[in-house]
Amino acid sequence: MPAGRPIGSLDKRTSRSTELFGPHVDEAIKTLREIAASSVANNSDRIAACKIICEYGLGKPIQPTEVGGPGGQPIQHEVTINWCAPAGKQ
């Protein structure tokens, strides 16, 4: 039997958070939708509300990172080995 929690089970913190905040999720989403659709809210609040709705509804977009050498060429590796005689033996 593997050590630790069974796969898919929640840890104590996640369980407690779900217990405390779970009942308020629908109201929070409704509030975000109202802010996003409001003509009275300022643009930064509307954008923030839309961003939160999209990130939680669709997942945060992946930030691609391209790593390469100059001009997009492969990274060149160089390994230098310096052999040294043991102390006292030269």
C-alpha atoms as a PDB file:
ATOM      1  CA  MET A   1       0.000   0.000   0.000  1.00  0.00           C
ATOM      2  CA  PRO A   2       1.478   3.402  -0.988  1.00  0.00           C
ATOM      3  CA  ALA A   3       2.244   5.921   1.736  1.00  0.00           C
ATOM      4  CA  GLY A   4       0.342   9.181   2.055  1.00  0.00           C
ATOM      5  CA  ARG A   5      -3.163  10.210   1.036  1.00  0.00           C
ATOM      6  CA  PRO A   6      -5.112   8.140  -1.448  1.00  0.00           C
ATOM      7  CA  ILE A   7      -5.003   9.538  -4.997  1.00  0.00           C
ATOM      8  CA  GLY A   8      -7.726  12.130  -5.510  1.00  0.00           C
ATOM      9  CA  SER A   9      -8.373  12.789  -1.823  1.00  0.00           C
ATOM     10  CA  LEU A  10      -8.152  16.343  -0.501  1.00  0.00           C
ATOM     11  CA  ASP A  11      -5.678  17.451   2.135  1.00  0.00           C
ATOM     12  CA  LYS A  12      -6.946  19.044   5.360  1.00  0.00           C
ATOM     13  CA  ARG A  13      -6.424  22.616   4.151  1.00  0.00           C
ATOM     14  CA  THR A  14      -8.261  22.048   0.859  1.00  0.00           C
ATOM     15  CA  SER A  15     -11.092  20.243   2.633  1.00  0.00           C
ATOM     16  CA  ARG A  16     -11.454  23.095   5.129  1.00  0.00           C
ATOM     17  CA  SER A  17     -11.339  25.752   2.388  1.00  0.00           C
ATOM     18  CA  THR A  18     -13.996  23.917   0.393  1.00  0.00           C
ATOM     19  CA  GLU A  19     -16.143  23.645   3.510  1.00  0.00           C
ATOM     20  CA  LEU A  20     -15.820  27.357   4.331  1.00  0.00           C
ATOM     21  CA  PHE A  21     -15.955  28.918   0.870  1.00  0.00           C
ATOM     22  CA  GLY A  22     -17.922  26.353  -1.125  1.00  0.00           C
ATOM     23  CA  PRO A  23     -21.366  27.688  -0.214  1.00  0.00           C
ATOM     24  CA  HIS A  24     -20.357  31.190  -1.378  1.00  0.00           C
ATOM     25  CA  VAL A  25     -18.968  30.314  -4.822  1.00  0.00           C
ATOM     26  CA  ASP A  26     -22.254  30.831  -6.686  1.00  0.00           C
ATOM     27  CA  GLU A  27     -22.729  34.250  -5.080  1.00  0.00           C
ATOM     28  CA  ALA A  28     -19.128  35.234  -5.873  1.00  0.00           C
ATOM     29  CA  ILE A  29     -19.533  34.256  -9.527  1.00  0.00           C
ATOM     30  CA  LYS A  30     -22.809  36.198  -9.697  1.00  0.00           C
ATOM     31  CA  THR A  31     -21.053  39.253  -8.240  1.00  0.00           C
ATOM     32  CA  LEU A  32     -18.203  38.957 -10.744  1.00  0.00           C
ATOM     33  CA  ARG A  33     -20.695  38.690 -13.593  1.00  0.00           C
ATOM     34  CA  GLU A  34     -22.534  41.789 -12.345  1.00  0.00           C
ATOM     35  CA  ILE A  35     -19.270  43.770 -12.141  1.00  0.00           C
ATOM     36  CA  ALA A  36     -18.208  42.595 -15.606  1.00  0.00           C
ATOM     37  CA  ALA A  37     -21.565  43.645 -17.101  1.00  0.00           C
ATOM     38  CA  SER A  38     -21.913  46.882 -15.117  1.00  0.00           C
ATOM     39  CA  SER A  39     -21.795  50.192 -16.939  1.00  0.00           C
ATOM     40  CA  VAL A  40     -21.212  51.918 -13.591  1.00  0.00           C
ATOM     41  CA  ALA A  41     -18.088  49.961 -12.538  1.00  0.00           C
ATOM     42  CA  ASN A  42     -14.786  51.379 -13.713  1.00  0.00           C
ATOM     43  CA  ASN A  43     -13.000  49.613 -16.533  1.00  0.00           C
ATOM     44  CA  SER A  44     -10.208  48.157 -14.370  1.00  0.00           C
ATOM     45  CA  ASP A  45     -12.782  46.480 -12.091  1.00  0.00           C
ATOM     46  CA  ARG A  46     -14.680  45.126 -15.091  1.00  0.00           C
ATOM     47  CA  ILE A  47     -11.488  43.791 -16.676  1.00  0.00           C
ATOM     48  CA  ALA A  48     -10.380  42.195 -13.394  1.00  0.00           C
ATOM     49  CA  ALA A  49     -13.772  40.501 -13.014  1.00  0.00           C
ATOM     50  CA  CYS A  50     -13.664  39.192 -16.590  1.00  0.00           C
ATOM     51  CA  LYS A  51     -10.113  37.934 -16.088  1.00  0.00           C
ATOM     52  CA  ILE A  52     -11.073  36.031 -12.940  1.00  0.00           C
ATOM     53  CA  ILE A  53     -14.116  34.486 -14.641  1.00  0.00           C
ATOM     54  CA  CYS A  54     -12.025  33.386 -17.633  1.00  0.00           C
ATOM     55  CA  GLU A  55      -9.104  32.063 -15.591  1.00  0.00           C
ATOM     56  CA  TYR A  56     -11.301  29.953 -13.352  1.00  0.00           C
ATOM     57  CA  GLY A  57     -13.681  28.957 -16.113  1.00  0.00           C
ATOM     58  CA  LEU A  58     -11.125  28.128 -18.791  1.00  0.00           C
ATOM     59  CA  GLY A  59      -7.871  27.840 -16.852  1.00  0.00           C
ATOM     60  CA  LYS A  60      -4.958  30.236 -16.929  1.00  0.00           C
ATOM     61  CA  PRO A  61      -3.206  30.369 -20.292  1.00  0.00           C
ATOM     62  CA  ILE A  62       0.132  28.599 -20.518  1.00  0.00           C
ATOM     63  CA  GLN A  63       3.098  30.942 -20.755  1.00  0.00           C
ATOM     64  CA  PRO A  64       5.330  29.434 -23.446  1.00  0.00           C
ATOM     65  CA  THR A  65       9.038  29.903 -22.902  1.00  0.00           C
ATOM     66  CA  GLU A  66      11.448  29.469 -25.757  1.00  0.00           C
ATOM     67  CA  VAL A  67      15.033  28.835 -24.827  1.00  0.00           C
ATOM     68  CA  GLY A  68      17.694  28.928 -27.477  1.00  0.00           C
ATOM     69  CA  GLY A  69      21.038  30.240 -28.491  1.00  0.00           C
ATOM     70  CA  PRO A  70      21.781  33.355 -30.554  1.00  0.00           C
ATOM     71  CA  GLY A  71      19.397  33.746 -33.496  1.00  0.00           C
ATOM     72  CA  GLY A  72      17.239  30.894 -32.312  1.00  0.00           C
ATOM     73  CA  GLN A  73      19.992  28.351 -32.860  1.00  0.00           C
ATOM     74  CA  PRO A  74      20.441  25.415 -30.477  1.00  0.00           C
ATOM     75  CA  ILE A  75      22.292  26.166 -27.277  1.00  0.00           C
ATOM     76  CA  GLN A  76      25.950  25.219 -27.580  1.00  0.00           C
ATOM     77  CA  HIS A  77      27.450  23.296 -24.673  1.00  0.00           C
ATOM     78  CA  GLU A  78      31.123  23.100 -23.871  1.00  0.00           C
ATOM     79  CA  VAL A  79      32.605  20.791 -21.272  1.00  0.00           C
ATOM     80  CA  THR A  80      36.163  21.313 -20.080  1.00  0.00           C
ATOM     81  CA  ILE A  81      37.884  18.710 -17.934  1.00  0.00           C
ATOM     82  CA  ASN A  82      41.103  19.634 -16.165  1.00  0.00           C
ATOM     83  CA  TRP A  83      42.992  16.671 -14.794  1.00  0.00           C
ATOM     84  CA  CYS A  84      44.990  17.353 -11.690  1.00  0.00           C
ATOM     85  CA  ALA A  85      47.525  15.056 -10.072  1.00  0.00           C
ATOM     86  CA  PRO A  86      46.705  13.988  -6.529  1.00  0.00           C
ATOM     87  CA  ALA A  87      48.355  16.088  -3.848  1.00  0.00           C
ATOM     88  CA  GLY A  88      51.998  15.073  -3.330  1.00  0.00           C
ATOM     89  CA  LYS A  89      52.262  13.143  -6.627  1.00  0.00           C
ATOM     90  CA  GLN A  90      53.589  15.249  -9.466  1.00  0.00           C
END
